[in-house]
Amino acid sequence: MNPTLDVDVEDFGNDDEYVSSEDEVPQKKIGRGSNFTAAEDKTLVKAWRAVALDPITGIEQPGGTYWKRIHNHFVRNNKSGILRSQISVTHGWQVIQVSCTRWYDCLEQVERLNPSGANI
């Protein structure tokens, strides 16, 4: 994951080429791999969004099924050619989630600096 990644919100809005098949992806034994690339991070975010924001199943599903579906989406749409295990995808998401939480916390602190209607 690249900590200085410059990402536009529009990067996640175009799902025209995104495959959403629910077919199971065969698992292969994979050793310790390299860090996720910026493109893989974007693919992982799209996979998470497709599964977590699915209005039919959403996040109300068993953890194993949830991450299996995210992994399947990720593998089907990952164009890097690097094989990632389900555990690797789960850990990759945890790294992204920590960064998102830090960003959100900073945003909240900035918003509290000038509360609406406060006198200077």
PDB file of N, CA and C in Angstrom:
ATOM      1  N   MET A   1       0.835  -1.166   0.000  1.00  0.00           N
ATOM      2  CA  MET A   1       0.000   0.000   0.000  1.00  0.00           C
ATOM      3  C   MET A   1       0.876   1.223   0.000  1.00  0.00           C
ATOM      4  N   ASN A   2       0.543   2.213  -0.750  1.00  0.00           N
ATOM      5  CA  ASN A   2       1.326   3.420  -0.877  1.00  0.00           C
ATOM      6  C   ASN A   2       0.722   4.501  -0.002  1.00  0.00           C
ATOM      7  N   PRO A   3       1.432   4.982   1.065  1.00  0.00           N
ATOM      8  CA  PRO A   3       0.842   5.962   1.969  1.00  0.00           C
ATOM      9  C   PRO A   3       0.632   7.321   1.331  1.00  0.00           C
ATOM     10  N   THR A   4       1.290   7.640   0.213  1.00  0.00           N
ATOM     11  CA  THR A   4       1.124   8.929  -0.437  1.00  0.00           C
ATOM     12  C   THR A   4       0.271   8.807  -1.688  1.00  0.00           C
ATOM     13  N   LEU A   5      -0.607   7.857  -1.710  1.00  0.00           N
ATOM     14  CA  LEU A   5      -1.451   7.586  -2.865  1.00  0.00           C
ATOM     15  C   LEU A   5      -2.406   8.743  -3.100  1.00  0.00           C
ATOM     16  N   ASP A   6      -2.430   9.250  -4.326  1.00  0.00           N
ATOM     17  CA  ASP A   6      -3.341  10.317  -4.710  1.00  0.00           C
ATOM     18  C   ASP A   6      -4.521   9.676  -5.426  1.00  0.00           C
ATOM     19  N   VAL A   7      -5.679   9.643  -4.762  1.00  0.00           N
ATOM     20  CA  VAL A   7      -6.841   8.949  -5.299  1.00  0.00           C
ATOM     21  C   VAL A   7      -7.995   9.928  -5.429  1.00  0.00           C
ATOM     22  N   ASP A   8      -8.645   9.906  -6.569  1.00  0.00           N
ATOM     23  CA  ASP A   8      -9.851  10.693  -6.772  1.00  0.00           C
ATOM     24  C   ASP A   8     -11.057   9.813  -6.503  1.00  0.00           C
ATOM     25  N   VAL A   9     -12.122  10.411  -5.984  1.00  0.00           N
ATOM     26  CA  VAL A   9     -13.345   9.670  -5.707  1.00  0.00           C
ATOM     27  C   VAL A   9     -13.889   9.061  -6.994  1.00  0.00           C
ATOM     28  N   GLU A  10     -13.686   9.749  -8.131  1.00  0.00           N
ATOM     29  CA  GLU A  10     -14.189   9.246  -9.400  1.00  0.00           C
ATOM     30  C   GLU A  10     -13.558   7.910  -9.770  1.00  0.00           C
ATOM     31  N   ASP A  11     -12.354   7.621  -9.243  1.00  0.00           N
ATOM     32  CA  ASP A  11     -11.686   6.358  -9.543  1.00  0.00           C
ATOM     33  C   ASP A  11     -12.520   5.160  -9.115  1.00  0.00           C
ATOM     34  N   PHE A  12     -13.386   5.333  -8.131  1.00  0.00           N
ATOM     35  CA  PHE A  12     -14.160   4.221  -7.598  1.00  0.00           C
ATOM     36  C   PHE A  12     -15.577   4.193  -8.144  1.00  0.00           C
ATOM     37  N   GLY A  13     -15.948   5.158  -8.948  1.00  0.00           N
ATOM     38  CA  GLY A  13     -17.307   5.238  -9.439  1.00  0.00           C
ATOM     39  C   GLY A  13     -17.552   4.485 -10.730  1.00  0.00           C
ATOM     40  N   ASN A  14     -16.512   4.180 -11.499  1.00  0.00           N
ATOM     41  CA  ASN A  14     -16.683   3.540 -12.796  1.00  0.00           C
ATOM     42  C   ASN A  14     -16.535   2.034 -12.661  1.00  0.00           C
ATOM     43  N   ASP A  15     -17.639   1.340 -12.674  1.00  0.00           N
ATOM     44  CA  ASP A  15     -17.624  -0.115 -12.533  1.00  0.00           C
ATOM     45  C   ASP A  15     -17.936  -0.813 -13.852  1.00  0.00           C
ATOM     46  N   ASP A  16     -17.786  -0.092 -14.981  1.00  0.00           N
ATOM     47  CA  ASP A  16     -18.138  -0.669 -16.275  1.00  0.00           C
ATOM     48  C   ASP A  16     -17.370  -1.950 -16.565  1.00  0.00           C
ATOM     49  N   GLU A  17     -16.080  -1.998 -16.200  1.00  0.00           N
ATOM     50  CA  GLU A  17     -15.258  -3.154 -16.501  1.00  0.00           C
ATOM     51  C   GLU A  17     -15.184  -4.123 -15.330  1.00  0.00           C
ATOM     52  N   TYR A  18     -15.897  -3.854 -14.275  1.00  0.00           N
ATOM     53  CA  TYR A  18     -15.791  -4.634 -13.052  1.00  0.00           C
ATOM     54  C   TYR A  18     -16.660  -5.875 -13.144  1.00  0.00           C
ATOM     55  N   VAL A  19     -16.062  -7.037 -12.934  1.00  0.00           N
ATOM     56  CA  VAL A  19     -16.770  -8.313 -12.996  1.00  0.00           C
ATOM     57  C   VAL A  19     -17.359  -8.604 -11.629  1.00  0.00           C
ATOM     58  N   SER A  20     -18.618  -8.974 -11.574  1.00  0.00           N
ATOM     59  CA  SER A  20     -19.244  -9.208 -10.273  1.00  0.00           C
ATOM     60  C   SER A  20     -19.777 -10.625 -10.119  1.00  0.00           C
ATOM     61  N   SER A  21     -19.257 -11.549 -10.872  1.00  0.00           N
ATOM     62  CA  SER A  21     -19.728 -12.925 -10.798  1.00  0.00           C
ATOM     63  C   SER A  21     -19.493 -13.505  -9.411  1.00  0.00           C
ATOM     64  N   GLU A  22     -20.432 -14.283  -8.939  1.00  0.00           N
ATOM     65  CA  GLU A  22     -20.328 -14.899  -7.620  1.00  0.00           C
ATOM     66  C   GLU A  22     -19.701 -16.284  -7.684  1.00  0.00           C
ATOM     67  N   ASP A  23     -19.237 -16.702  -8.863  1.00  0.00           N
ATOM     68  CA  ASP A  23     -18.607 -18.015  -8.978  1.00  0.00           C
ATOM     69  C   ASP A  23     -17.397 -18.086  -8.068  1.00  0.00           C
ATOM     70  N   GLU A  24     -17.193 -19.249  -7.497  1.00  0.00           N
ATOM     71  CA  GLU A  24     -16.090 -19.430  -6.560  1.00  0.00           C
ATOM     72  C   GLU A  24     -14.756 -19.460  -7.296  1.00  0.00           C
ATOM     73  N   VAL A  25     -13.776 -18.800  -6.705  1.00  0.00           N
ATOM     74  CA  VAL A  25     -12.430 -18.769  -7.263  1.00  0.00           C
ATOM     75  C   VAL A  25     -11.621 -19.880  -6.624  1.00  0.00           C
ATOM     76  N   PRO A  26     -10.943 -20.715  -7.421  1.00  0.00           N
ATOM     77  CA  PRO A  26     -10.153 -21.798  -6.830  1.00  0.00           C
ATOM     78  C   PRO A  26      -9.000 -21.248  -5.995  1.00  0.00           C
ATOM     79  N   GLN A  27      -8.744 -21.884  -4.854  1.00  0.00           N
ATOM     80  CA  GLN A  27      -7.678 -21.459  -3.946  1.00  0.00           C
ATOM     81  C   GLN A  27      -6.393 -22.203  -4.273  1.00  0.00           C
ATOM     82  N   LYS A  28      -5.285 -21.481  -4.280  1.00  0.00           N
ATOM     83  CA  LYS A  28      -3.970 -22.078  -4.444  1.00  0.00           C
ATOM     84  C   LYS A  28      -3.140 -21.705  -3.232  1.00  0.00           C
ATOM     85  N   LYS A  29      -2.194 -22.546  -2.880  1.00  0.00           N
ATOM     86  CA  LYS A  29      -1.297 -22.261  -1.765  1.00  0.00           C
ATOM     87  C   LYS A  29      -0.336 -21.164  -2.216  1.00  0.00           C
ATOM     88  N   ILE A  30      -0.337 -20.051  -1.495  1.00  0.00           N
ATOM     89  CA  ILE A  30       0.471 -18.895  -1.857  1.00  0.00           C
ATOM     90  C   ILE A  30       1.315 -18.500  -0.653  1.00  0.00           C
ATOM     91  N   GLY A  31       2.598 -18.233  -0.874  1.00  0.00           N
ATOM     92  CA  GLY A  31       3.482 -17.786   0.199  1.00  0.00           C
ATOM     93  C   GLY A  31       3.362 -16.290   0.419  1.00  0.00           C
ATOM     94  N   ARG A  32       4.243 -15.758   1.253  1.00  0.00           N
ATOM     95  CA  ARG A  32       4.260 -14.327   1.559  1.00  0.00           C
ATOM     96  C   ARG A  32       4.499 -13.553   0.276  1.00  0.00           C
ATOM     97  N   GLY A  33       3.607 -12.649  -0.033  1.00  0.00           N
ATOM     98  CA  GLY A  33       3.711 -11.877  -1.265  1.00  0.00           C
ATOM     99  C   GLY A  33       4.183 -10.459  -1.003  1.00  0.00           C
ATOM    100  N   SER A  34       4.249  -9.695  -2.057  1.00  0.00           N
ATOM    101  CA  SER A  34       4.654  -8.300  -1.954  1.00  0.00           C
ATOM    102  C   SER A  34       3.484  -7.465  -1.439  1.00  0.00           C
ATOM    103  N   ASN A  35       3.771  -6.211  -1.123  1.00  0.00           N
ATOM    104  CA  ASN A  35       2.718  -5.300  -0.695  1.00  0.00           C
ATOM    105  C   ASN A  35       1.741  -5.075  -1.844  1.00  0.00           C
ATOM    106  N   PHE A  36       0.532  -4.698  -1.508  1.00  0.00           N
ATOM    107  CA  PHE A  36      -0.468  -4.405  -2.518  1.00  0.00           C
ATOM    108  C   PHE A  36      -0.047  -3.150  -3.279  1.00  0.00           C
ATOM    109  N   THR A  37      -0.304  -3.146  -4.576  1.00  0.00           N
ATOM    110  CA  THR A  37      -0.046  -1.962  -5.390  1.00  0.00           C
ATOM    111  C   THR A  37      -1.230  -1.010  -5.250  1.00  0.00           C
ATOM    112  N   ALA A  38      -1.067   0.216  -5.746  1.00  0.00           N
ATOM    113  CA  ALA A  38      -2.167   1.180  -5.708  1.00  0.00           C
ATOM    114  C   ALA A  38      -3.367   0.657  -6.498  1.00  0.00           C
ATOM    115  N   ALA A  39      -3.103   0.021  -7.629  1.00  0.00           N
ATOM    116  CA  ALA A  39      -4.196  -0.533  -8.443  1.00  0.00           C
ATOM    117  C   ALA A  39      -4.915  -1.650  -7.693  1.00  0.00           C
ATOM    118  N   GLU A  40      -4.154  -2.482  -6.970  1.00  0.00           N
ATOM    119  CA  GLU A  40      -4.780  -3.549  -6.189  1.00  0.00           C
ATOM    120  C   GLU A  40      -5.592  -2.964  -5.038  1.00  0.00           C
ATOM    121  N   ASP A  41      -5.103  -1.896  -4.431  1.00  0.00           N
ATOM    122  CA  ASP A  41      -5.869  -1.233  -3.371  1.00  0.00           C
ATOM    123  C   ASP A  41      -7.219  -0.765  -3.904  1.00  0.00           C
ATOM    124  N   LYS A  42      -7.216  -0.153  -5.077  1.00  0.00           N
ATOM    125  CA  LYS A  42      -8.466   0.319  -5.680  1.00  0.00           C
ATOM    126  C   LYS A  42      -9.398  -0.857  -5.978  1.00  0.00           C
ATOM    127  N   THR A  43      -8.833  -1.936  -6.503  1.00  0.00           N
ATOM    128  CA  THR A  43      -9.635  -3.130  -6.797  1.00  0.00           C
ATOM    129  C   THR A  43     -10.224  -3.706  -5.520  1.00  0.00           C
ATOM    130  N   LEU A  44      -9.438  -3.708  -4.448  1.00  0.00           N
ATOM    131  CA  LEU A  44      -9.915  -4.224  -3.165  1.00  0.00           C
ATOM    132  C   LEU A  44     -11.039  -3.354  -2.613  1.00  0.00           C
ATOM    133  N   VAL A  45     -10.906  -2.042  -2.732  1.00  0.00           N
ATOM    134  CA  VAL A  45     -11.971  -1.143  -2.265  1.00  0.00           C
ATOM    135  C   VAL A  45     -13.248  -1.390  -3.065  1.00  0.00           C
ATOM    136  N   LYS A  46     -13.114  -1.573  -4.367  1.00  0.00           N
ATOM    137  CA  LYS A  46     -14.297  -1.853  -5.193  1.00  0.00           C
ATOM    138  C   LYS A  46     -14.931  -3.190  -4.819  1.00  0.00           C
ATOM    139  N   ALA A  47     -14.098  -4.188  -4.534  1.00  0.00           N
ATOM    140  CA  ALA A  47     -14.624  -5.500  -4.134  1.00  0.00           C
ATOM    141  C   ALA A  47     -15.351  -5.394  -2.802  1.00  0.00           C
ATOM    142  N   TRP A  48     -14.753  -4.683  -1.845  1.00  0.00           N
ATOM    143  CA  TRP A  48     -15.395  -4.499  -0.539  1.00  0.00           C
ATOM    144  C   TRP A  48     -16.724  -3.773  -0.715  1.00  0.00           C
ATOM    145  N   ARG A  49     -16.707  -2.711  -1.521  1.00  0.00           N
ATOM    146  CA  ARG A  49     -17.925  -1.931  -1.733  1.00  0.00           C
ATOM    147  C   ARG A  49     -19.021  -2.783  -2.366  1.00  0.00           C
ATOM    148  N   ALA A  50     -18.663  -3.610  -3.344  1.00  0.00           N
ATOM    149  CA  ALA A  50     -19.655  -4.447  -4.028  1.00  0.00           C
ATOM    150  C   ALA A  50     -20.312  -5.434  -3.070  1.00  0.00           C
ATOM    151  N   VAL A  51     -19.540  -5.968  -2.130  1.00  0.00           N
ATOM    152  CA  VAL A  51     -20.072  -6.966  -1.192  1.00  0.00           C
ATOM    153  C   VAL A  51     -20.734  -6.293   0.008  1.00  0.00           C
ATOM    154  N   ALA A  52     -20.058  -5.348   0.625  1.00  0.00           N
ATOM    155  CA  ALA A  52     -20.566  -4.737   1.862  1.00  0.00           C
ATOM    156  C   ALA A  52     -21.794  -3.872   1.624  1.00  0.00           C
ATOM    157  N   LEU A  53     -21.869  -3.227   0.478  1.00  0.00           N
ATOM    158  CA  LEU A  53     -22.994  -2.336   0.204  1.00  0.00           C
ATOM    159  C   LEU A  53     -24.074  -2.999  -0.645  1.00  0.00           C
ATOM    160  N   ASP A  54     -23.994  -4.315  -0.798  1.00  0.00           N
ATOM    161  CA  ASP A  54     -25.023  -5.068  -1.511  1.00  0.00           C
ATOM    162  C   ASP A  54     -26.315  -4.976  -0.704  1.00  0.00           C
ATOM    163  N   PRO A  55     -27.370  -4.384  -1.266  1.00  0.00           N
ATOM    164  CA  PRO A  55     -28.594  -4.190  -0.487  1.00  0.00           C
ATOM    165  C   PRO A  55     -29.293  -5.489  -0.096  1.00  0.00           C
ATOM    166  N   ILE A  56     -28.989  -6.569  -0.773  1.00  0.00           N
ATOM    167  CA  ILE A  56     -29.654  -7.834  -0.465  1.00  0.00           C
ATOM    168  C   ILE A  56     -28.977  -8.542   0.701  1.00  0.00           C
ATOM    169  N   THR A  57     -27.658  -8.699   0.645  1.00  0.00           N
ATOM    170  CA  THR A  57     -26.957  -9.411   1.718  1.00  0.00           C
ATOM    171  C   THR A  57     -26.251  -8.473   2.676  1.00  0.00           C
ATOM    172  N   GLY A  58     -25.658  -7.400   2.173  1.00  0.00           N
ATOM    173  CA  GLY A  58     -24.970  -6.440   3.028  1.00  0.00           C
ATOM    174  C   GLY A  58     -23.922  -7.100   3.897  1.00  0.00           C
ATOM    175  N   ILE A  59     -23.717  -6.532   5.082  1.00  0.00           N
ATOM    176  CA  ILE A  59     -22.712  -7.087   5.987  1.00  0.00           C
ATOM    177  C   ILE A  59     -23.316  -8.106   6.941  1.00  0.00           C
ATOM    178  N   GLU A  60     -24.613  -8.337   6.840  1.00  0.00           N
ATOM    179  CA  GLU A  60     -25.282  -9.299   7.708  1.00  0.00           C
ATOM    180  C   GLU A  60     -25.142 -10.708   7.138  1.00  0.00           C
ATOM    181  N   GLN A  61     -23.919 -11.199   7.111  1.00  0.00           N
ATOM    182  CA  GLN A  61     -23.629 -12.544   6.632  1.00  0.00           C
ATOM    183  C   GLN A  61     -22.451 -13.071   7.432  1.00  0.00           C
ATOM    184  N   PRO A  62     -22.286 -14.371   7.511  1.00  0.00           N
ATOM    185  CA  PRO A  62     -21.160 -14.917   8.279  1.00  0.00           C
ATOM    186  C   PRO A  62     -19.831 -14.375   7.758  1.00  0.00           C
ATOM    187  N   GLY A  63     -18.884 -14.149   8.687  1.00  0.00           N
ATOM    188  CA  GLY A  63     -17.591 -13.581   8.338  1.00  0.00           C
ATOM    189  C   GLY A  63     -16.871 -14.335   7.237  1.00  0.00           C
ATOM    190  N   GLY A  64     -16.914 -15.660   7.297  1.00  0.00           N
ATOM    191  CA  GLY A  64     -16.249 -16.457   6.272  1.00  0.00           C
ATOM    192  C   GLY A  64     -16.840 -16.225   4.895  1.00  0.00           C
ATOM    193  N   THR A  65     -18.157 -16.162   4.822  1.00  0.00           N
ATOM    194  CA  THR A  65     -18.839 -15.920   3.554  1.00  0.00           C
ATOM    195  C   THR A  65     -18.546 -14.513   3.053  1.00  0.00           C
ATOM    196  N   TYR A  66     -18.570 -13.555   3.958  1.00  0.00           N
ATOM    197  CA  TYR A  66     -18.315 -12.148   3.632  1.00  0.00           C
ATOM    198  C   TYR A  66     -16.947 -11.992   2.969  1.00  0.00           C
ATOM    199  N   TRP A  67     -15.903 -12.512   3.614  1.00  0.00           N
ATOM    200  CA  TRP A  67     -14.550 -12.362   3.073  1.00  0.00           C
ATOM    201  C   TRP A  67     -14.320 -13.247   1.861  1.00  0.00           C
ATOM    202  N   LYS A  68     -15.007 -14.359   1.768  1.00  0.00           N
ATOM    203  CA  LYS A  68     -14.902 -15.214   0.582  1.00  0.00           C
ATOM    204  C   LYS A  68     -15.457 -14.475  -0.632  1.00  0.00           C
ATOM    205  N   ARG A  69     -16.583 -13.803  -0.456  1.00  0.00           N
ATOM    206  CA  ARG A  69     -17.180 -13.037  -1.553  1.00  0.00           C
ATOM    207  C   ARG A  69     -16.286 -11.869  -1.958  1.00  0.00           C
ATOM    208  N   ILE A  70     -15.715 -11.169  -0.962  1.00  0.00           N
ATOM    209  CA  ILE A  70     -14.805 -10.064  -1.276  1.00  0.00           C
ATOM    210  C   ILE A  70     -13.594 -10.593  -2.038  1.00  0.00           C
ATOM    211  N   HIS A  71     -13.028 -11.703  -1.577  1.00  0.00           N
ATOM    212  CA  HIS A  71     -11.873 -12.296  -2.253  1.00  0.00           C
ATOM    213  C   HIS A  71     -12.219 -12.690  -3.684  1.00  0.00           C
ATOM    214  N   ASN A  72     -13.366 -13.309  -3.884  1.00  0.00           N
ATOM    215  CA  ASN A  72     -13.780 -13.700  -5.234  1.00  0.00           C
ATOM    216  C   ASN A  72     -13.886 -12.491  -6.156  1.00  0.00           C
ATOM    217  N   HIS A  73     -14.507 -11.418  -5.672  1.00  0.00           N
ATOM    218  CA  HIS A  73     -14.612 -10.189  -6.468  1.00  0.00           C
ATOM    219  C   HIS A  73     -13.223  -9.645  -6.781  1.00  0.00           C
ATOM    220  N   PHE A  74     -12.367  -9.623  -5.774  1.00  0.00           N
ATOM    221  CA  PHE A  74     -11.014  -9.091  -5.949  1.00  0.00           C
ATOM    222  C   PHE A  74     -10.244  -9.888  -6.999  1.00  0.00           C
ATOM    223  N   VAL A  75     -10.245 -11.205  -6.881  1.00  0.00           N
ATOM    224  CA  VAL A  75      -9.481 -12.054  -7.805  1.00  0.00           C
ATOM    225  C   VAL A  75      -9.991 -11.897  -9.233  1.00  0.00           C
ATOM    226  N   ARG A  76     -11.290 -11.842  -9.406  1.00  0.00           N
ATOM    227  CA  ARG A  76     -11.860 -11.735 -10.750  1.00  0.00           C
ATOM    228  C   ARG A  76     -11.540 -10.398 -11.410  1.00  0.00           C
ATOM    229  N   ASN A  77     -11.277  -9.370 -10.631  1.00  0.00           N
ATOM    230  CA  ASN A  77     -11.061  -8.033 -11.183  1.00  0.00           C
ATOM    231  C   ASN A  77      -9.632  -7.533 -11.035  1.00  0.00           C
ATOM    232  N   ASN A  78      -8.768  -8.310 -10.415  1.00  0.00           N
ATOM    233  CA  ASN A  78      -7.382  -7.907 -10.203  1.00  0.00           C
ATOM    234  C   ASN A  78      -6.595  -8.132 -11.490  1.00  0.00           C
ATOM    235  N   LYS A  79      -6.121  -7.054 -12.068  1.00  0.00           N
ATOM    236  CA  LYS A  79      -5.402  -7.138 -13.338  1.00  0.00           C
ATOM    237  C   LYS A  79      -3.887  -7.135 -13.144  1.00  0.00           C
ATOM    238  N   SER A  80      -3.404  -7.172 -11.905  1.00  0.00           N
ATOM    239  CA  SER A  80      -1.960  -7.100 -11.646  1.00  0.00           C
ATOM    240  C   SER A  80      -1.247  -8.405 -11.974  1.00  0.00           C
ATOM    241  N   GLY A  81      -1.976  -9.513 -12.000  1.00  0.00           N
ATOM    242  CA  GLY A  81      -1.346 -10.801 -12.251  1.00  0.00           C
ATOM    243  C   GLY A  81      -0.748 -11.427 -11.006  1.00  0.00           C
ATOM    244  N   ILE A  82      -0.844 -10.742  -9.874  1.00  0.00           N
ATOM    245  CA  ILE A  82      -0.324 -11.259  -8.604  1.00  0.00           C
ATOM    246  C   ILE A  82      -1.445 -12.016  -7.910  1.00  0.00           C
ATOM    247  N   LEU A  83      -1.200 -13.282  -7.560  1.00  0.00           N
ATOM    248  CA  LEU A  83      -2.204 -14.069  -6.854  1.00  0.00           C
ATOM    249  C   LEU A  83      -2.238 -13.652  -5.391  1.00  0.00           C
ATOM    250  N   ARG A  84      -3.418 -13.414  -4.873  1.00  0.00           N
ATOM    251  CA  ARG A  84      -3.600 -13.029  -3.471  1.00  0.00           C
ATOM    252  C   ARG A  84      -4.549 -14.016  -2.812  1.00  0.00           C
ATOM    253  N   SER A  85      -4.159 -14.523  -1.648  1.00  0.00           N
ATOM    254  CA  SER A  85      -5.019 -15.437  -0.900  1.00  0.00           C
ATOM    255  C   SER A  85      -6.129 -14.644  -0.217  1.00  0.00           C
ATOM    256  N   GLN A  86      -7.105 -15.362   0.292  1.00  0.00           N
ATOM    257  CA  GLN A  86      -8.194 -14.706   1.018  1.00  0.00           C
ATOM    258  C   GLN A  86      -7.650 -14.005   2.259  1.00  0.00           C
ATOM    259  N   ILE A  87      -6.699 -14.622   2.933  1.00  0.00           N
ATOM    260  CA  ILE A  87      -6.093 -14.009   4.122  1.00  0.00           C
ATOM    261  C   ILE A  87      -5.355 -12.733   3.732  1.00  0.00           C
ATOM    262  N   SER A  88      -4.646 -12.766   2.616  1.00  0.00           N
ATOM    263  CA  SER A  88      -3.925 -11.589   2.140  1.00  0.00           C
ATOM    264  C   SER A  88      -4.890 -10.444   1.842  1.00  0.00           C
ATOM    265  N   VAL A  89      -6.004 -10.759   1.208  1.00  0.00           N
ATOM    266  CA  VAL A  89      -7.012  -9.745   0.899  1.00  0.00           C
ATOM    267  C   VAL A  89      -7.593  -9.174   2.191  1.00  0.00           C
ATOM    268  N   THR A  90      -7.860 -10.028   3.167  1.00  0.00           N
ATOM    269  CA  THR A  90      -8.381  -9.575   4.457  1.00  0.00           C
ATOM    270  C   THR A  90      -7.392  -8.632   5.133  1.00  0.00           C
ATOM    271  N   HIS A  91      -6.116  -9.008   5.153  1.00  0.00           N
ATOM    272  CA  HIS A  91      -5.097  -8.149   5.764  1.00  0.00           C
ATOM    273  C   HIS A  91      -4.920  -6.856   4.975  1.00  0.00           C
ATOM    274  N   GLY A  92      -5.001  -6.942   3.651  1.00  0.00           N
ATOM    275  CA  GLY A  92      -4.913  -5.738   2.827  1.00  0.00           C
ATOM    276  C   GLY A  92      -6.029  -4.767   3.158  1.00  0.00           C
ATOM    277  N   TRP A  93      -7.238  -5.293   3.373  1.00  0.00           N
ATOM    278  CA  TRP A  93      -8.357  -4.429   3.741  1.00  0.00           C
ATOM    279  C   TRP A  93      -8.135  -3.807   5.120  1.00  0.00           C
ATOM    280  N   GLN A  94      -7.565  -4.558   6.053  1.00  0.00           N
ATOM    281  CA  GLN A  94      -7.305  -4.020   7.389  1.00  0.00           C
ATOM    282  C   GLN A  94      -6.366  -2.823   7.320  1.00  0.00           C
ATOM    283  N   VAL A  95      -5.363  -2.877   6.458  1.00  0.00           N
ATOM    284  CA  VAL A  95      -4.435  -1.752   6.287  1.00  0.00           C
ATOM    285  C   VAL A  95      -5.181  -0.534   5.749  1.00  0.00           C
ATOM    286  N   ILE A  96      -6.026  -0.748   4.751  1.00  0.00           N
ATOM    287  CA  ILE A  96      -6.811   0.353   4.186  1.00  0.00           C
ATOM    288  C   ILE A  96      -7.747   0.929   5.238  1.00  0.00           C
ATOM    289  N   GLN A  97      -8.389   0.063   6.012  1.00  0.00           N
ATOM    290  CA  GLN A  97      -9.350   0.512   7.018  1.00  0.00           C
ATOM    291  C   GLN A  97      -8.681   1.360   8.094  1.00  0.00           C
ATOM    292  N   VAL A  98      -7.476   0.987   8.525  1.00  0.00           N
ATOM    293  CA  VAL A  98      -6.739   1.774   9.519  1.00  0.00           C
ATOM    294  C   VAL A  98      -6.460   3.168   8.964  1.00  0.00           C
ATOM    295  N   SER A  99      -6.026   3.247   7.712  1.00  0.00           N
ATOM    296  CA  SER A  99      -5.743   4.543   7.091  1.00  0.00           C
ATOM    297  C   SER A  99      -7.010   5.387   6.972  1.00  0.00           C
ATOM    298  N   CYS A 100      -8.111   4.764   6.605  1.00  0.00           N
ATOM    299  CA  CYS A 100      -9.386   5.488   6.490  1.00  0.00           C
ATOM    300  C   CYS A 100      -9.847   6.012   7.845  1.00  0.00           C
ATOM    301  N   THR A 101      -9.672   5.213   8.884  1.00  0.00           N
ATOM    302  CA  THR A 101     -10.063   5.629  10.231  1.00  0.00           C
ATOM    303  C   THR A 101      -9.228   6.819  10.683  1.00  0.00           C
ATOM    304  N   ARG A 102      -7.918   6.777  10.432  1.00  0.00           N
ATOM    305  CA  ARG A 102      -7.045   7.909  10.786  1.00  0.00           C
ATOM    306  C   ARG A 102      -7.468   9.165  10.046  1.00  0.00           C
ATOM    307  N   TRP A 103      -7.762   9.036   8.754  1.00  0.00           N
ATOM    308  CA  TRP A 103      -8.182  10.181   7.963  1.00  0.00           C
ATOM    309  C   TRP A 103      -9.490  10.759   8.510  1.00  0.00           C
ATOM    310  N   TYR A 104     -10.436   9.896   8.822  1.00  0.00           N
ATOM    311  CA  TYR A 104     -11.722  10.344   9.347  1.00  0.00           C
ATOM    312  C   TYR A 104     -11.548  11.055  10.687  1.00  0.00           C
ATOM    313  N   ASP A 105     -10.689  10.522  11.548  1.00  0.00           N
ATOM    314  CA  ASP A 105     -10.430  11.163  12.841  1.00  0.00           C
ATOM    315  C   ASP A 105      -9.840  12.557  12.653  1.00  0.00           C
ATOM    316  N   CYS A 106      -8.917  12.706  11.718  1.00  0.00           N
ATOM    317  CA  CYS A 106      -8.336  14.024  11.430  1.00  0.00           C
ATOM    318  C   CYS A 106      -9.404  14.977  10.905  1.00  0.00           C
ATOM    319  N   LEU A 107     -10.258  14.498  10.038  1.00  0.00           N
ATOM    320  CA  LEU A 107     -11.334  15.316   9.491  1.00  0.00           C
ATOM    321  C   LEU A 107     -12.265  15.802  10.598  1.00  0.00           C
ATOM    322  N   GLU A 108     -12.608  14.931  11.526  1.00  0.00           N
ATOM    323  CA  GLU A 108     -13.465  15.326  12.648  1.00  0.00           C
ATOM    324  C   GLU A 108     -12.800  16.397  13.506  1.00  0.00           C
ATOM    325  N   GLN A 109     -11.499  16.275  13.754  1.00  0.00           N
ATOM    326  CA  GLN A 109     -10.778  17.277  14.541  1.00  0.00           C
ATOM    327  C   GLN A 109     -10.812  18.634  13.851  1.00  0.00           C
ATOM    328  N   VAL A 110     -10.634  18.662  12.547  1.00  0.00           N
ATOM    329  CA  VAL A 110     -10.666  19.912  11.796  1.00  0.00           C
ATOM    330  C   VAL A 110     -12.056  20.529  11.868  1.00  0.00           C
ATOM    331  N   GLU A 111     -13.087  19.733  11.740  1.00  0.00           N
ATOM    332  CA  GLU A 111     -14.454  20.253  11.789  1.00  0.00           C
ATOM    333  C   GLU A 111     -14.799  20.820  13.161  1.00  0.00           C
ATOM    334  N   ARG A 112     -14.177  20.304  14.224  1.00  0.00           N
ATOM    335  CA  ARG A 112     -14.443  20.814  15.574  1.00  0.00           C
ATOM    336  C   ARG A 112     -13.679  22.097  15.876  1.00  0.00           C
ATOM    337  N   LEU A 113     -12.694  22.468  15.056  1.00  0.00           N
ATOM    338  CA  LEU A 113     -11.906  23.670  15.305  1.00  0.00           C
ATOM    339  C   LEU A 113     -12.746  24.933  15.217  1.00  0.00           C
ATOM    340  N   ASN A 114     -13.655  25.006  14.266  1.00  0.00           N
ATOM    341  CA  ASN A 114     -14.519  26.165  14.089  1.00  0.00           C
ATOM    342  C   ASN A 114     -15.980  25.745  14.139  1.00  0.00           C
ATOM    343  N   PRO A 115     -16.513  25.562  15.348  1.00  0.00           N
ATOM    344  CA  PRO A 115     -17.923  25.169  15.422  1.00  0.00           C
ATOM    345  C   PRO A 115     -18.829  26.278  14.884  1.00  0.00           C
ATOM    346  N   SER A 116     -19.881  25.892  14.239  1.00  0.00           N
ATOM    347  CA  SER A 116     -20.814  26.841  13.654  1.00  0.00           C
ATOM    348  C   SER A 116     -21.425  27.728  14.735  1.00  0.00           C
ATOM    349  N   GLY A 117     -21.448  29.043  14.477  1.00  0.00           N
ATOM    350  CA  GLY A 117     -22.070  29.985  15.397  1.00  0.00           C
ATOM    351  C   GLY A 117     -21.192  30.424  16.552  1.00  0.00           C
ATOM    352  N   ALA A 118     -19.967  29.948  16.631  1.00  0.00           N
ATOM    353  CA  ALA A 118     -19.073  30.328  17.729  1.00  0.00           C
ATOM    354  C   ALA A 118     -18.456  31.690  17.450  1.00  0.00           C
ATOM    355  N   ASN A 119     -18.318  32.482  18.510  1.00  0.00           N
ATOM    356  CA  ASN A 119     -17.662  33.782  18.393  1.00  0.00           C
ATOM    357  C   ASN A 119     -16.155  33.605  18.473  1.00  0.00           C
ATOM    358  N   ILE A 120     -15.450  34.446  17.763  1.00  0.00           N
ATOM    359  CA  ILE A 120     -13.983  34.352  17.768  1.00  0.00           C
ATOM    360  C   ILE A 120     -13.411  35.149  18.908  1.00  0.00           C
TER     361      ILE A 120
END
